[in-house]
C-alpha atoms as a PDB file:
ATOM      1  CA  MET A   1       0.000   0.000   0.000  1.00  0.00           C
ATOM      2  CA  ASN A   2       1.573   3.288  -1.088  1.00  0.00           C
ATOM      3  CA  ILE A   3       0.967   6.860  -0.006  1.00  0.00           C
ATOM      4  CA  LEU A   4      -1.064   7.703  -3.120  1.00  0.00           C
ATOM      5  CA  ASP A   5      -3.526   4.840  -2.542  1.00  0.00           C
ATOM      6  CA  THR A   6      -3.854   5.852   1.097  1.00  0.00           C
ATOM      7  CA  PHE A   7      -4.680   9.408   0.080  1.00  0.00           C
ATOM      8  CA  LEU A   8      -7.053   8.566  -2.773  1.00  0.00           C
ATOM      9  CA  TRP A   9      -9.061   5.887  -1.023  1.00  0.00           C
ATOM     10  CA  GLY A  10      -8.541   6.663   2.666  1.00  0.00           C
ATOM     11  CA  VAL A  11      -8.326  10.451   2.917  1.00  0.00           C
ATOM     12  CA  LEU A  12      -9.858  12.003  -0.206  1.00  0.00           C
ATOM     13  CA  PRO A  13     -13.371  10.563   0.366  1.00  0.00           C
ATOM     14  CA  TYR A  14     -13.596  12.328   3.723  1.00  0.00           C
ATOM     15  CA  MET A  15     -12.263  15.571   2.233  1.00  0.00           C
ATOM     16  CA  VAL A  16     -15.005  15.421  -0.382  1.00  0.00           C
ATOM     17  CA  ILE A  17     -17.648  14.811   2.288  1.00  0.00           C
ATOM     18  CA  VAL A  18     -16.415  17.801   4.303  1.00  0.00           C
ATOM     19  CA  ILE A  19     -16.499  20.022   1.193  1.00  0.00           C
ATOM     20  CA  LEU A  20     -19.951  18.737   0.224  1.00  0.00           C
ATOM     21  CA  ILE A  21     -21.499  19.295   3.651  1.00  0.00           C
ATOM     22  CA  GLY A  22     -19.552  22.446   4.528  1.00  0.00           C
ATOM     23  CA  GLY A  23     -20.094  23.979   1.109  1.00  0.00           C
ATOM     24  CA  THR A  24     -23.812  23.270   1.259  1.00  0.00           C
ATOM     25  CA  ILE A  25     -24.129  24.887   4.685  1.00  0.00           C
ATOM     26  CA  TRP A  26     -22.130  27.902   3.505  1.00  0.00           C
ATOM     27  CA  ARG A  27     -24.231  28.207   0.358  1.00  0.00           C
ATOM     28  CA  TYR A  28     -27.466  28.066   2.336  1.00  0.00           C
ATOM     29  CA  LYS A  29     -26.260  30.631   4.863  1.00  0.00           C
ATOM     30  CA  TYR A  30     -24.687  33.180   2.537  1.00  0.00           C
ATOM     31  CA  ASP A  31     -26.299  32.595  -0.859  1.00  0.00           C
ATOM     32  CA  GLN A  32     -29.948  31.641  -0.304  1.00  0.00           C
ATOM     33  CA  PHE A  33     -31.052  33.777  -3.253  1.00  0.00           C
ATOM     34  CA  GLY A  34     -28.661  31.818  -5.448  1.00  0.00           C
ATOM     35  CA  TRP A  35     -30.007  28.474  -4.201  1.00  0.00           C
ATOM     36  CA  THR A  36     -31.924  27.784  -7.376  1.00  0.00           C
ATOM     37  CA  THR A  37     -31.781  25.966 -10.686  1.00  0.00           C
ATOM     38  CA  ARG A  38     -31.903  29.337 -12.466  1.00  0.00           C
ATOM     39  CA  SER A  39     -34.540  27.851 -14.719  1.00  0.00           C
ATOM     40  CA  SER A  40     -34.300  28.742 -18.408  1.00  0.00           C
ATOM     41  CA  GLN A  41     -37.723  27.362 -19.304  1.00  0.00           C
ATOM     42  CA  PHE A  42     -38.933  30.907 -19.932  1.00  0.00           C
ATOM     43  CA  TYR A  43     -36.533  31.159 -22.891  1.00  0.00           C
ATOM     44  CA  GLU A  44     -37.278  27.737 -24.392  1.00  0.00           C
ATOM     45  CA  SER A  45     -39.528  24.917 -23.235  1.00  0.00           C
ATOM     46  CA  LYS A  46     -40.160  22.468 -26.098  1.00  0.00           C
ATOM     47  CA  ILE A  47     -36.754  20.800 -26.026  1.00  0.00           C
ATOM     48  CA  LEU A  48     -36.555  21.085 -22.246  1.00  0.00           C
ATOM     49  CA  LYS A  49     -39.789  19.116 -21.856  1.00  0.00           C
ATOM     50  CA  ILE A  50     -38.056  16.184 -23.538  1.00  0.00           C
ATOM     51  CA  ALA A  51     -34.564  16.474 -22.078  1.00  0.00           C
ATOM     52  CA  SER A  52     -35.390  17.275 -18.457  1.00  0.00           C
ATOM     53  CA  PRO A  53     -37.610  14.229 -17.687  1.00  0.00           C
ATOM     54  CA  LEU A  54     -35.141  11.908 -19.419  1.00  0.00           C
ATOM     55  CA  PHE A  55     -32.268  13.274 -17.367  1.00  0.00           C
ATOM     56  CA  HIS A  56     -33.999  13.446 -13.996  1.00  0.00           C
ATOM     57  CA  TYR A  57     -35.917  10.150 -14.103  1.00  0.00           C
ATOM     58  CA  GLY A  58     -32.883   8.399 -15.541  1.00  0.00           C
ATOM     59  CA  LEU A  59     -30.752   9.869 -12.769  1.00  0.00           C
ATOM     60  CA  VAL A  60     -33.114   8.487 -10.120  1.00  0.00           C
ATOM     61  CA  GLY A  61     -32.688   5.020 -11.614  1.00  0.00           C
ATOM     62  CA  VAL A  62     -28.898   5.365 -11.817  1.00  0.00           C
ATOM     63  CA  LEU A  63     -28.627   6.537  -8.209  1.00  0.00           C
ATOM     64  CA  GLY A  64     -30.905   3.709  -7.088  1.00  0.00           C
ATOM     65  CA  GLY A  65     -28.704   1.179  -8.845  1.00  0.00           C
ATOM     66  CA  HIS A  66     -25.576   2.584  -7.229  1.00  0.00           C
ATOM     67  CA  ILE A  67     -27.138   2.508  -3.784  1.00  0.00           C
ATOM     68  CA  VAL A  68     -28.133  -1.140  -4.187  1.00  0.00           C
ATOM     69  CA  GLY A  69     -24.795  -2.153  -5.682  1.00  0.00           C
ATOM     70  CA  LEU A  70     -22.645  -0.360  -3.128  1.00  0.00           C
ATOM     71  CA  MET A  71     -24.667  -0.676   0.054  1.00  0.00           C
ATOM     72  CA  ILE A  72     -26.158  -4.184  -0.123  1.00  0.00           C
ATOM     73  CA  PRO A  73     -23.563  -6.943   0.494  1.00  0.00           C
ATOM     74  CA  ALA A  74     -23.385  -9.842  -1.950  1.00  0.00           C
ATOM     75  CA  SER A  75     -24.105 -12.236   0.913  1.00  0.00           C
ATOM     76  CA  TRP A  76     -27.540 -10.654   1.396  1.00  0.00           C
ATOM     77  CA  THR A  77     -28.623 -11.172  -2.196  1.00  0.00           C
ATOM     78  CA  ALA A  78     -27.114 -14.675  -2.166  1.00  0.00           C
ATOM     79  CA  ALA A  79     -29.244 -15.492   0.880  1.00  0.00           C
ATOM     80  CA  LEU A  80     -32.292 -14.585  -1.214  1.00  0.00           C
ATOM     81  CA  GLY A  81     -31.238 -17.044  -3.897  1.00  0.00           C
ATOM     82  CA  ILE A  82     -29.892 -14.397  -6.282  1.00  0.00           C
ATOM     83  CA  THR A  83     -26.681 -15.607  -7.885  1.00  0.00           C
ATOM     84  CA  ASP A  84     -23.920 -13.277  -9.083  1.00  0.00           C
ATOM     85  CA  GLU A  85     -24.913 -14.013 -12.692  1.00  0.00           C
ATOM     86  CA  MET A  86     -28.531 -13.096 -12.003  1.00  0.00           C
ATOM     87  CA  TYR A  87     -27.528  -9.950 -10.135  1.00  0.00           C
ATOM     88  CA  HIS A  88     -25.164  -8.655 -12.806  1.00  0.00           C
ATOM     89  CA  ALA A  89     -27.630  -9.476 -15.592  1.00  0.00           C
ATOM     90  CA  GLY A  90     -30.358  -7.552 -13.766  1.00  0.00           C
ATOM     91  CA  ALA A  91     -28.002  -4.639 -13.098  1.00  0.00           C
ATOM     92  CA  LEU A  92     -27.109  -4.524 -16.786  1.00  0.00           C
ATOM     93  CA  ILE A  93     -30.690  -4.736 -18.025  1.00  0.00           C
ATOM     94  CA  MET A  94     -31.825  -2.005 -15.640  1.00  0.00           C
ATOM     95  CA  GLY A  95     -28.673   0.107 -15.537  1.00  0.00           C
ATOM     96  CA  ILE A  96     -27.970   0.596 -19.233  1.00  0.00           C
ATOM     97  CA  PRO A  97     -31.410   2.088 -20.129  1.00  0.00           C
ATOM     98  CA  PHE A  98     -31.295   4.463 -17.157  1.00  0.00           C
ATOM     99  CA  GLY A  99     -27.714   5.435 -17.957  1.00  0.00           C
ATOM    100  CA  LEU A 100     -28.522   6.080 -21.606  1.00  0.00           C
ATOM    101  CA  ALA A 101     -31.573   8.130 -20.607  1.00  0.00           C
ATOM    102  CA  VAL A 102     -29.381  10.339 -18.406  1.00  0.00           C
ATOM    103  CA  LEU A 103     -26.743  10.645 -21.121  1.00  0.00           C
ATOM    104  CA  PHE A 104     -29.221  11.473 -23.881  1.00  0.00           C
ATOM    105  CA  GLY A 105     -31.085  13.949 -21.670  1.00  0.00           C
ATOM    106  CA  LEU A 106     -27.827  15.682 -20.762  1.00  0.00           C
ATOM    107  CA  ILE A 107     -26.672  15.841 -24.388  1.00  0.00           C
ATOM    108  CA  VAL A 108     -29.972  17.403 -25.452  1.00  0.00           C
ATOM    109  CA  MET A 109     -29.822  19.933 -22.601  1.00  0.00           C
ATOM    110  CA  ILE A 110     -26.286  20.908 -23.584  1.00  0.00           C
ATOM    111  CA  PHE A 111     -27.335  21.182 -27.243  1.00  0.00           C
ATOM    112  CA  ARG A 112     -30.288  23.370 -26.232  1.00  0.00           C
ATOM    113  CA  ARG A 113     -28.111  25.579 -24.047  1.00  0.00           C
ATOM    114  CA  ARG A 114     -25.492  25.972 -26.778  1.00  0.00           C
ATOM    115  CA  THR A 115     -27.839  26.661 -29.697  1.00  0.00           C
ATOM    116  CA  ASN A 116     -30.381  28.923 -27.996  1.00  0.00           C
ATOM    117  CA  LYS A 117     -28.897  32.409 -27.673  1.00  0.00           C
ATOM    118  CA  SER A 118     -30.985  33.431 -24.675  1.00  0.00           C
ATOM    119  CA  VAL A 119     -30.273  30.225 -22.781  1.00  0.00           C
ATOM    120  CA  PHE A 120     -26.584  30.381 -23.641  1.00  0.00           C
ATOM    121  CA  ALA A 121     -26.384  33.972 -22.438  1.00  0.00           C
ATOM    122  CA  ALA A 122     -27.716  32.831 -19.050  1.00  0.00           C
ATOM    123  CA  THR A 123     -25.071  30.097 -18.793  1.00  0.00           C
ATOM    124  CA  THR A 124     -22.390  30.719 -16.163  1.00  0.00           C
ATOM    125  CA  ILE A 125     -18.879  29.331 -15.842  1.00  0.00           C
ATOM    126  CA  SER A 126     -20.051  27.080 -13.012  1.00  0.00           C
ATOM    127  CA  ASP A 127     -22.741  25.708 -15.346  1.00  0.00           C
ATOM    128  CA  LYS A 128     -20.119  24.804 -17.947  1.00  0.00           C
ATOM    129  CA  ILE A 129     -17.898  23.091 -15.368  1.00  0.00           C
ATOM    130  CA  MET A 130     -20.929  21.241 -14.020  1.00  0.00           C
ATOM    131  CA  TYR A 131     -21.943  19.941 -17.454  1.00  0.00           C
ATOM    132  CA  VAL A 132     -18.415  18.755 -18.227  1.00  0.00           C
ATOM    133  CA  SER A 133     -18.163  16.987 -14.862  1.00  0.00           C
ATOM    134  CA  LEU A 134     -21.565  15.353 -15.244  1.00  0.00           C
ATOM    135  CA  MET A 135     -20.784  14.182 -18.755  1.00  0.00           C
ATOM    136  CA  ALA A 136     -17.455  12.683 -17.693  1.00  0.00           C
ATOM    137  CA  VAL A 137     -18.993  10.773 -14.771  1.00  0.00           C
ATOM    138  CA  ILE A 138     -21.878   9.442 -16.860  1.00  0.00           C
ATOM    139  CA  VAL A 139     -19.735   8.402 -19.834  1.00  0.00           C
ATOM    140  CA  PHE A 140     -17.230   6.577 -17.641  1.00  0.00           C
ATOM    141  CA  GLY A 141     -20.063   4.941 -15.702  1.00  0.00           C
ATOM    142  CA  ILE A 142     -21.741   3.606 -18.832  1.00  0.00           C
ATOM    143  CA  GLY A 143     -18.363   2.632 -20.232  1.00  0.00           C
ATOM    144  CA  VAL A 144     -17.303   0.489 -17.271  1.00  0.00           C
ATOM    145  CA  THR A 145     -20.746  -1.146 -17.173  1.00  0.00           C
ATOM    146  CA  ILE A 146     -20.670  -2.128 -20.841  1.00  0.00           C
ATOM    147  CA  PHE A 147     -17.012  -3.177 -20.704  1.00  0.00           C
ATOM    148  CA  SER A 148     -17.624  -5.446 -17.714  1.00  0.00           C
ATOM    149  CA  ALA A 149     -20.692  -6.958 -19.398  1.00  0.00           C
ATOM    150  CA  MET A 150     -18.679  -7.739 -22.546  1.00  0.00           C
ATOM    151  CA  GLN A 151     -16.131  -9.619 -20.470  1.00  0.00           C
ATOM    152  CA  GLY A 152     -18.808 -11.872 -18.989  1.00  0.00           C
ATOM    153  CA  HIS A 153     -17.464 -14.086 -16.192  1.00  0.00           C
ATOM    154  CA  HIS A 154     -14.062 -12.445 -16.604  1.00  0.00           C
ATOM    155  CA  GLY A 155     -15.433  -8.979 -15.888  1.00  0.00           C
ATOM    156  CA  HIS A 156     -14.526  -7.152 -12.732  1.00  0.00           C
ATOM    157  CA  ASN A 157     -16.767  -7.955  -9.765  1.00  0.00           C
ATOM    158  CA  TYR A 158     -17.021  -4.594  -8.003  1.00  0.00           C
ATOM    159  CA  ARG A 159     -19.101  -6.133  -5.213  1.00  0.00           C
ATOM    160  CA  ALA A 160     -15.989  -7.956  -4.007  1.00  0.00           C
ATOM    161  CA  ASP A 161     -13.803  -4.875  -3.515  1.00  0.00           C
ATOM    162  CA  ILE A 162     -15.361  -1.478  -4.329  1.00  0.00           C
ATOM    163  CA  SER A 163     -18.587  -2.110  -2.417  1.00  0.00           C
ATOM    164  CA  PRO A 164     -16.864  -3.323   0.810  1.00  0.00           C
ATOM    165  CA  TRP A 165     -14.439  -0.388   0.564  1.00  0.00           C
ATOM    166  CA  PHE A 166     -17.341   2.045   0.175  1.00  0.00           C
ATOM    167  CA  ARG A 167     -19.150   0.614   3.199  1.00  0.00           C
ATOM    168  CA  SER A 168     -15.955   0.714   5.263  1.00  0.00           C
ATOM    169  CA  LEU A 169     -15.878   4.498   4.859  1.00  0.00           C
ATOM    170  CA  PHE A 170     -19.010   4.788   6.987  1.00  0.00           C
ATOM    171  CA  LEU A 171     -17.276   2.834   9.757  1.00  0.00           C
ATOM    172  CA  PHE A 172     -14.292   5.243   9.602  1.00  0.00           C
ATOM    173  CA  GLN A 173     -12.077   2.256   8.910  1.00  0.00           C
ATOM    174  CA  PRO A 174     -11.397   2.545   5.156  1.00  0.00           C
ATOM    175  CA  GLU A 175     -10.082  -0.685   3.694  1.00  0.00           C
ATOM    176  CA  VAL A 176      -7.706   0.984   1.279  1.00  0.00           C
ATOM    177  CA  GLY A 177      -6.101  -2.288   0.216  1.00  0.00           C
ATOM    178  CA  LEU A 178      -9.296  -3.362  -1.544  1.00  0.00           C
ATOM    179  CA  MET A 179      -8.888  -0.554  -4.084  1.00  0.00           C
ATOM    180  CA  ARG A 180      -5.314  -1.288  -5.046  1.00  0.00           C
ATOM    181  CA  ASP A 181      -5.921  -3.685  -7.928  1.00  0.00           C
ATOM    182  CA  ILE A 182      -9.238  -2.545  -9.366  1.00  0.00           C
ATOM    183  CA  PRO A 183      -9.246  -1.550 -13.084  1.00  0.00           C
ATOM    184  CA  PHE A 184      -8.231   1.971 -14.036  1.00  0.00           C
ATOM    185  CA  THR A 185     -11.621   2.739 -15.577  1.00  0.00           C
ATOM    186  CA  PHE A 186     -13.391   2.060 -12.276  1.00  0.00           C
ATOM    187  CA  LYS A 187     -10.899   4.251 -10.436  1.00  0.00           C
ATOM    188  CA  MET A 188     -11.452   7.100 -12.884  1.00  0.00           C
ATOM    189  CA  HIS A 189     -15.213   6.815 -12.553  1.00  0.00           C
ATOM    190  CA  ILE A 190     -14.925   7.078  -8.768  1.00  0.00           C
ATOM    191  CA  LEU A 191     -12.455   9.976  -8.848  1.00  0.00           C
ATOM    192  CA  LEU A 192     -14.620  11.889 -11.322  1.00  0.00           C
ATOM    193  CA  ALA A 193     -17.584  11.320  -9.009  1.00  0.00           C
ATOM    194  CA  PHE A 194     -15.509  12.741  -6.138  1.00  0.00           C
ATOM    195  CA  ALA A 195     -14.812  15.848  -8.212  1.00  0.00           C
ATOM    196  CA  LEU A 196     -18.518  16.223  -9.036  1.00  0.00           C
ATOM    197  CA  PHE A 197     -19.578  15.960  -5.383  1.00  0.00           C
ATOM    198  CA  ALA A 198     -16.923  18.486  -4.369  1.00  0.00           C
ATOM    199  CA  LEU A 199     -18.296  20.913  -6.963  1.00  0.00           C
ATOM    200  CA  TRP A 200     -21.919  20.151  -6.091  1.00  0.00           C
ATOM    201  CA  PRO A 201     -22.568  22.867  -3.459  1.00  0.00           C
ATOM    202  CA  PHE A 202     -21.149  25.586  -5.708  1.00  0.00           C
ATOM    203  CA  THR A 203     -23.308  24.869  -8.766  1.00  0.00           C
ATOM    204  CA  ARG A 204     -27.019  24.772  -9.563  1.00  0.00           C
ATOM    205  CA  LEU A 205     -26.976  21.086  -8.545  1.00  0.00           C
ATOM    206  CA  VAL A 206     -27.371  22.254  -4.941  1.00  0.00           C
ATOM    207  CA  HIS A 207     -31.123  22.609  -5.549  1.00  0.00           C
ATOM    208  CA  ALA A 208     -31.386  18.801  -5.452  1.00  0.00           C
ATOM    209  CA  PHE A 209     -31.165  18.941  -1.649  1.00  0.00           C
ATOM    210  CA  THR A 210     -34.375  20.950  -1.327  1.00  0.00           C
ATOM    211  CA  ALA A 211     -36.337  20.922  -4.574  1.00  0.00           C
ATOM    212  CA  PRO A 212     -38.288  17.674  -4.020  1.00  0.00           C
ATOM    213  CA  ILE A 213     -39.416  18.719  -0.509  1.00  0.00           C
ATOM    214  CA  HIS A 214     -39.938  22.408  -1.201  1.00  0.00           C
ATOM    215  CA  TYR A 215     -42.104  21.629  -4.215  1.00  0.00           C
ATOM    216  CA  LEU A 216     -44.695  19.886  -2.008  1.00  0.00           C
ATOM    217  CA  PHE A 217     -45.185  22.999   0.114  1.00  0.00           C
ATOM    218  CA  ARG A 218     -45.112  25.724  -2.493  1.00  0.00           C
ATOM    219  CA  PRO A 219     -47.867  28.352  -2.117  1.00  0.00           C
ATOM    220  CA  TYR A 220     -50.466  29.061  -4.735  1.00  0.00           C
ATOM    221  CA  ILE A 221     -49.459  30.773  -7.922  1.00  0.00           C
ATOM    222  CA  VAL A 222     -52.403  32.813  -9.121  1.00  0.00           C
ATOM    223  CA  TYR A 223     -52.621  33.625 -12.813  1.00  0.00           C
ATOM    224  CA  ARG A 224     -54.728  36.546 -14.031  1.00  0.00           C
ATOM    225  CA  SER A 225     -55.403  38.057 -17.408  1.00  0.00           C
ATOM    226  CA  ARG A 226     -54.525  41.649 -18.054  1.00  0.00           C
ATOM    227  CA  GLY A 227     -58.096  42.569 -17.282  1.00  0.00           C
ATOM    228  CA  GLY A 228     -57.788  41.117 -13.796  1.00  0.00           C
ATOM    229  CA  GLU A 229     -59.780  37.958 -14.461  1.00  0.00           C
ATOM    230  CA  LYS A 230     -58.525  34.922 -12.582  1.00  0.00           C
ATOM    231  CA  VAL A 231     -57.212  32.362 -15.082  1.00  0.00           C
ATOM    232  CA  GLY A 232     -55.893  29.479 -13.024  1.00  0.00           C
ATOM    233  CA  ARG A 233     -54.373  28.497  -9.731  1.00  0.00           C
ATOM    234  CA  ARG A 234     -51.848  25.818  -8.823  1.00  0.00           C
ATOM    235  CA  ARG A 235     -52.263  23.600  -5.768  1.00  0.00           C
ATOM    236  CA  GLY A 236     -50.493  24.759  -2.615  1.00  0.00           C
ATOM    237  CA  TRP A 237     -51.125  26.850   0.458  1.00  0.00           C
ATOM    238  CA  ASP A 238     -54.364  28.740   0.958  1.00  0.00           C
ATOM    239  CA  PRO A 239     -54.138  32.015  -0.982  1.00  0.00           C
ATOM    240  CA  VAL A 240     -53.942  35.265   0.894  1.00  0.00           C
ATOM    241  CA  GLY A 241     -55.761  38.350  -0.416  1.00  0.00           C
ATOM    242  CA  THR A 242     -56.893  36.624  -3.608  1.00  0.00           C
ATOM    243  CA  SER A 243     -60.640  36.439  -3.107  1.00  0.00           C
ATOM    244  CA  ASP A 244     -63.008  36.768  -5.997  1.00  0.00           C
ATOM    245  CA  ASN A 245     -63.472  40.448  -5.168  1.00  0.00           C
ATOM    246  CA  SER A 246     -59.754  41.144  -5.376  1.00  0.00           C
ATOM    247  CA  SER A 247     -59.954  41.440  -9.151  1.00  0.00           C
ATOM    248  CA  ASN A 248     -62.040  44.570  -8.688  1.00  0.00           C
ATOM    249  CA  LEU A 249     -59.310  46.299  -6.735  1.00  0.00           C
ATOM    250  CA  LYS A 250     -57.342  48.842  -8.706  1.00  0.00           C
END
């Protein structure tokens, strides 16, 4: 075990966690007005309606697959009668479509942002870094999945080394030795993920920590025509000062 392995797999993960948590707290405390996706739907919505669901729903599936693969020991699935062959086949069948959905959605969003002048003008440097980081993580993730599947029984079994190493981090006893001989592509995928999580609090990705919960408790948005007529109202809190007579107020 050399110093570099000790740093990459025994020290760096905790540095990333500190940056992720500390950066998120700092962002919430000092930049609450910037805690947003900075939605560009106002500028263009047709392409976004296709790309956004593909990306977000695909991402949920990808994250779910990673949680199962990294957090659930192989002995647990074996106890349920699921062999390694069955597990990896299921992971491939489920993982590839979700991964491709995320990749395609991201490509379309980047294309939209680059070709629409208004959307591109609203793109910040942090947005560009975020898109590059996301693309790198996703491409490497799909790549290692396909490469391992092509190798069949000779493919790398990440549940024998990467998963136990990942779980050991939560016990504050990182088993660095498990990561020494894993393929380079897996190492790059993990390191790119570290970089993405370190950048997370300082990009628009930070909204992921609050958007799903905040959406459930949003207040009403009342739409009115120019003449004051009430057009529609979204579900949410009870409206304040928006009675039927309010349209008569000038």
